[in-house]
Structures are given as C-alpha cells and as structure tokens.
Amino acid sequence: LLKKIKNYLSSKKNYYLLFLGGGWKSRRWGYQNYLNLALKLKQNFNLTPIVVGGAASGSPEDEEYELFFQEAKKVNLEYKSFYKKLSLKEFVYLCKCAKNFNMKFFIGNDAGATHISWSSSLYTFEILGPTSPKVVKPYISGEYIYKNLPCSPCRNRNCQSLKCMEEIKVEEVFDKISLFLK
C-alpha cells in the first residue's frame, strides 16, 4: 500500500482526505457542499482532495460520489481518488500515515470512516446533523460542525427536513478549516 500511495500522489502537493459517505441520507452533507468547499480550499490553500469511501459492493451514497466526480470535472477541480479502492485495513493505514503523504486533515460526515480518521490522530472535521456531538465527535484530534436546533439530535434516518445539515454552510466549515491551517 505504501508504494501504491507514493506512486499515486505527488510529494510536492498538499492534500486532505474527503469522505462524502454516511449510511443514512440524513447524515450526508451533500456533494455540492463538499465540491464548493474543495474549490475554496484549492483556491485559498492550494489543497487537493483525496476522495475516500465507498463499499466495494455498492452503497446508498454511490450517487453522491458520482455527482461529485462529474461536477468536479466540469469545474476543473483537481482531485485524487481512492474511492472504492481501499480495504478497511488499508484505509486505517492511510489515516495513520497521512502526514507522511502531506495530508493535512480529514473531513467527512458522521460515519465509520470519520471515526477511524480521528481515532488514528489525523485531525478531523466531522459534519454532524441528526447525531449528538455528546455521543459522536472527534475525541482525539479534531472538531465538529453541528447546529443545535430544537429538532436535533433526532437520529432520524429518514428525516424529511434535513434542516440540521442544510444550515451548515460551506463558509462556516471553510472558516474552521482555515483557522486550523493557519
């Protein structure tokens, strides 16, 4: 895996891991938000996203990833992808060794990959919607973005409103990451 990563990434660039997944639709911030965030990070910090996630056999969030890739190409956003290319063991290794490959941080929704990231001590920005930060947050290394609305945390897998995710704005997330990077 080490050789695979070294051959794929440039030692002259800075990266971050980007995870769009989340088993529940209500836990996904949305590909458009991540795309806009990636564009701002590229423009302001010259960071290239490395997209991770995706179950090899298919998963409910596949459409989010496909839309992200399509739109990224339309706006000429450079990215690298390990989407559906890493086993769980390889992903854990990638997170633990991220700094060796100029990976500055991880950003993702509330899901297993995000928990693996912060437990590996890779600085993690976790987008929380229907889940309480008292239960799930980056305990070791990172921070979360959460809107404390009257209806949240609800842990509703089929929420029709999704207000808790919609109220998290790209600028707010970008500002948190900017503070970390400075």
Protein backbone atom coordinates (compact mmCIF):
# COMPACT_ATOMS: atom_id res chain seq x y z
CA LEU A 1 0.00 0.00 0.00
CA LEU A 2 2.82 2.40 0.82
CA LYS A 3 4.20 2.01 -2.69
CA LYS A 4 0.70 2.37 -4.17
CA ILE A 5 0.19 5.68 -2.34
CA LYS A 6 3.65 7.04 -3.15
CA ASN A 7 3.19 6.27 -6.85
CA TYR A 8 -0.22 7.93 -6.93
CA LEU A 9 0.49 11.15 -5.03
CA SER A 10 2.94 13.93 -5.71
CA SER A 11 5.37 14.71 -2.91
CA LYS A 12 5.16 18.37 -3.96
CA LYS A 13 1.43 18.80 -3.27
CA ASN A 14 -0.63 19.12 -0.11
CA TYR A 15 -3.74 17.02 0.33
CA TYR A 16 -6.64 16.27 2.62
CA LEU A 17 -8.96 13.29 2.85
CA LEU A 18 -12.55 13.92 1.79
CA PHE A 19 -15.32 11.49 2.74
CA LEU A 20 -18.81 12.09 1.33
CA GLY A 21 -20.39 8.92 2.68
CA GLY A 22 -22.71 8.14 5.52
CA GLY A 23 -25.12 5.25 5.60
CA TRP A 24 -28.14 7.42 6.36
CA LYS A 25 -29.15 10.09 3.89
CA SER A 26 -29.82 12.40 6.84
CA ARG A 27 -26.11 12.17 7.79
CA ARG A 28 -24.82 13.34 4.40
CA TRP A 29 -23.92 17.00 3.94
CA GLY A 30 -24.21 16.70 0.18
CA TYR A 31 -21.80 16.54 -2.74
CA GLN A 32 -22.42 20.18 -3.75
CA ASN A 33 -21.31 21.44 -0.33
CA TYR A 34 -18.18 19.31 -0.46
CA LEU A 35 -17.46 20.43 -4.01
CA ASN A 36 -17.78 24.12 -3.07
CA LEU A 37 -15.61 23.55 -0.02
CA ALA A 38 -12.97 21.77 -2.14
CA LEU A 39 -12.91 24.67 -4.58
CA LYS A 40 -12.38 27.18 -1.75
CA LEU A 41 -9.63 25.05 -0.22
CA LYS A 42 -7.89 24.77 -3.58
CA GLN A 43 -8.18 28.49 -4.27
CA ASN A 44 -7.08 29.67 -0.81
CA PHE A 45 -4.65 26.97 0.34
CA ASN A 46 -3.78 25.04 -2.82
CA LEU A 47 -5.01 21.79 -1.24
CA THR A 48 -6.03 18.80 -3.35
CA PRO A 49 -8.75 16.48 -2.04
CA ILE A 50 -8.23 12.74 -1.91
CA VAL A 51 -11.70 11.24 -2.10
CA VAL A 52 -12.15 8.15 0.07
CA GLY A 53 -15.03 5.83 0.88
CA GLY A 54 -17.44 3.61 -0.93
CA ALA A 55 -18.20 0.00 -0.24
CA ALA A 56 -16.77 -2.27 -2.93
CA SER A 57 -20.14 -3.92 -3.46
CA GLY A 58 -22.09 -0.68 -3.72
CA SER A 59 -23.66 1.56 -1.15
CA PRO A 60 -26.50 4.05 -0.83
CA GLU A 61 -24.16 7.02 -1.17
CA ASP A 62 -22.71 5.97 -4.54
CA GLU A 63 -24.80 8.63 -6.27
CA GLU A 64 -23.26 11.36 -4.06
CA TYR A 65 -19.79 10.33 -5.15
CA GLU A 66 -20.68 10.06 -8.82
CA LEU A 67 -22.24 13.53 -8.80
CA PHE A 68 -19.20 14.93 -7.01
CA PHE A 69 -16.85 13.44 -9.63
CA GLN A 70 -18.99 14.69 -12.53
CA GLU A 71 -19.25 18.22 -11.17
CA ALA A 72 -15.57 18.34 -10.19
CA LYS A 73 -14.63 17.59 -13.78
CA LYS A 74 -16.96 20.31 -15.06
CA VAL A 75 -15.29 22.95 -12.89
CA ASN A 76 -11.76 21.56 -13.42
CA LEU A 77 -11.23 20.67 -9.77
CA GLU A 78 -8.17 18.51 -9.46
CA TYR A 79 -8.68 15.60 -7.08
CA LYS A 80 -7.25 12.18 -6.36
CA SER A 81 -9.48 9.24 -5.66
CA PHE A 82 -9.22 6.16 -3.52
CA TYR A 83 -12.98 5.74 -3.86
CA LYS A 84 -13.77 2.01 -3.69
CA LYS A 85 -10.06 1.24 -3.91
CA LEU A 86 -9.10 0.64 -0.27
CA SER A 87 -9.90 -2.16 2.12
CA LEU A 88 -10.77 -1.18 5.67
CA LYS A 89 -7.27 -2.15 6.79
CA GLU A 90 -5.72 -0.01 4.03
CA PHE A 91 -7.92 2.95 4.96
CA VAL A 92 -6.81 2.72 8.60
CA TYR A 93 -3.20 2.65 7.41
CA LEU A 94 -3.78 5.65 5.14
CA CYS A 95 -5.17 7.68 8.07
CA LYS A 96 -2.33 6.68 10.40
CA CYS A 97 0.32 7.58 7.81
CA ALA A 98 -1.43 10.62 6.34
CA LYS A 99 1.19 13.12 7.45
CA ASN A 100 3.87 11.16 5.57
CA PHE A 101 1.98 11.97 2.36
CA ASN A 102 1.32 15.67 3.01
CA MET A 103 -2.29 15.03 4.07
CA LYS A 104 -3.27 17.87 6.37
CA PHE A 105 -6.65 16.71 7.69
CA PHE A 106 -9.79 14.66 7.08
CA ILE A 107 -13.31 15.98 6.56
CA GLY A 108 -16.44 13.88 6.50
CA ASN A 109 -19.92 13.13 7.73
CA ASP A 110 -20.80 11.13 10.82
CA ALA A 111 -19.82 7.61 9.74
CA GLY A 112 -17.33 4.87 10.45
CA ALA A 113 -14.63 6.30 8.18
CA THR A 114 -14.72 9.58 10.08
CA HIS A 115 -14.39 7.81 13.42
CA ILE A 116 -11.44 5.84 12.11
CA SER A 117 -9.83 9.08 11.00
CA TRP A 118 -9.98 10.85 14.34
CA SER A 119 -9.07 7.70 16.25
CA SER A 120 -5.89 7.50 14.17
CA SER A 121 -4.95 11.03 15.33
CA LEU A 122 -5.44 12.56 11.88
CA TYR A 123 -7.02 15.96 12.54
CA THR A 124 -10.69 15.51 11.63
CA PHE A 125 -13.54 17.86 10.84
CA GLU A 126 -16.79 15.99 11.36
CA ILE A 127 -20.11 17.23 9.97
CA LEU A 128 -22.87 16.29 12.40
CA GLY A 129 -26.56 16.60 11.62
CA PRO A 130 -29.00 14.27 13.34
CA THR A 131 -26.39 12.87 15.73
CA SER A 132 -25.49 14.40 19.07
CA PRO A 133 -21.92 15.64 19.47
CA LYS A 134 -22.13 14.28 23.03
CA VAL A 135 -22.23 10.79 21.53
CA VAL A 136 -20.09 11.08 18.41
CA LYS A 137 -17.37 13.68 17.98
CA PRO A 138 -13.65 13.69 17.26
CA TYR A 139 -12.45 12.83 20.77
CA ILE A 140 -8.76 12.50 19.96
CA SER A 141 -7.88 15.01 17.27
CA GLY A 142 -10.34 17.33 15.60
CA GLU A 143 -13.58 19.21 15.86
CA TYR A 144 -17.16 19.01 14.74
CA ILE A 145 -19.61 21.25 12.97
CA TYR A 146 -23.15 20.99 14.36
CA LYS A 147 -26.31 23.09 14.50
CA ASN A 148 -28.07 22.83 17.83
CA LEU A 149 -31.63 23.03 16.52
CA PRO A 150 -34.80 22.28 18.51
CA CYS A 151 -35.29 19.10 16.47
CA SER A 152 -31.74 17.82 16.85
CA PRO A 153 -30.31 15.47 17.69
CA CYS A 154 -33.08 13.30 16.37
CA ARG A 155 -31.15 10.32 14.95
CA ASN A 156 -33.91 10.09 12.34
CA ARG A 157 -32.65 8.09 9.37
CA ASN A 158 -35.50 9.25 7.16
CA CYS A 159 -35.83 12.89 8.14
CA GLN A 160 -37.68 14.89 5.52
CA SER A 161 -36.47 18.29 6.71
CA LEU A 162 -32.67 17.79 6.83
CA LYS A 163 -32.53 21.30 8.30
CA CYS A 164 -29.68 20.33 10.64
CA MET A 165 -27.47 19.59 7.62
CA GLU A 166 -28.77 22.35 5.36
CA GLU A 167 -27.97 25.02 7.95
CA ILE A 168 -24.29 24.05 7.97
CA LYS A 169 -22.84 26.42 5.40
CA VAL A 170 -19.70 25.94 3.33
CA GLU A 171 -18.29 29.23 4.62
CA GLU A 172 -18.64 28.09 8.24
CA VAL A 173 -16.77 24.85 7.56
CA PHE A 174 -14.15 26.65 5.49
CA ASP A 175 -13.58 29.14 8.33
CA LYS A 176 -12.95 26.32 10.83
CA ILE A 177 -10.51 24.62 8.49
CA SER A 178 -8.80 27.95 7.76
CA LEU A 179 -8.19 28.54 11.47
CA PHE A 180 -6.68 25.08 11.74
CA LEU A 181 -4.40 25.61 8.75
CA LYS A 182 -3.05 28.98 9.87
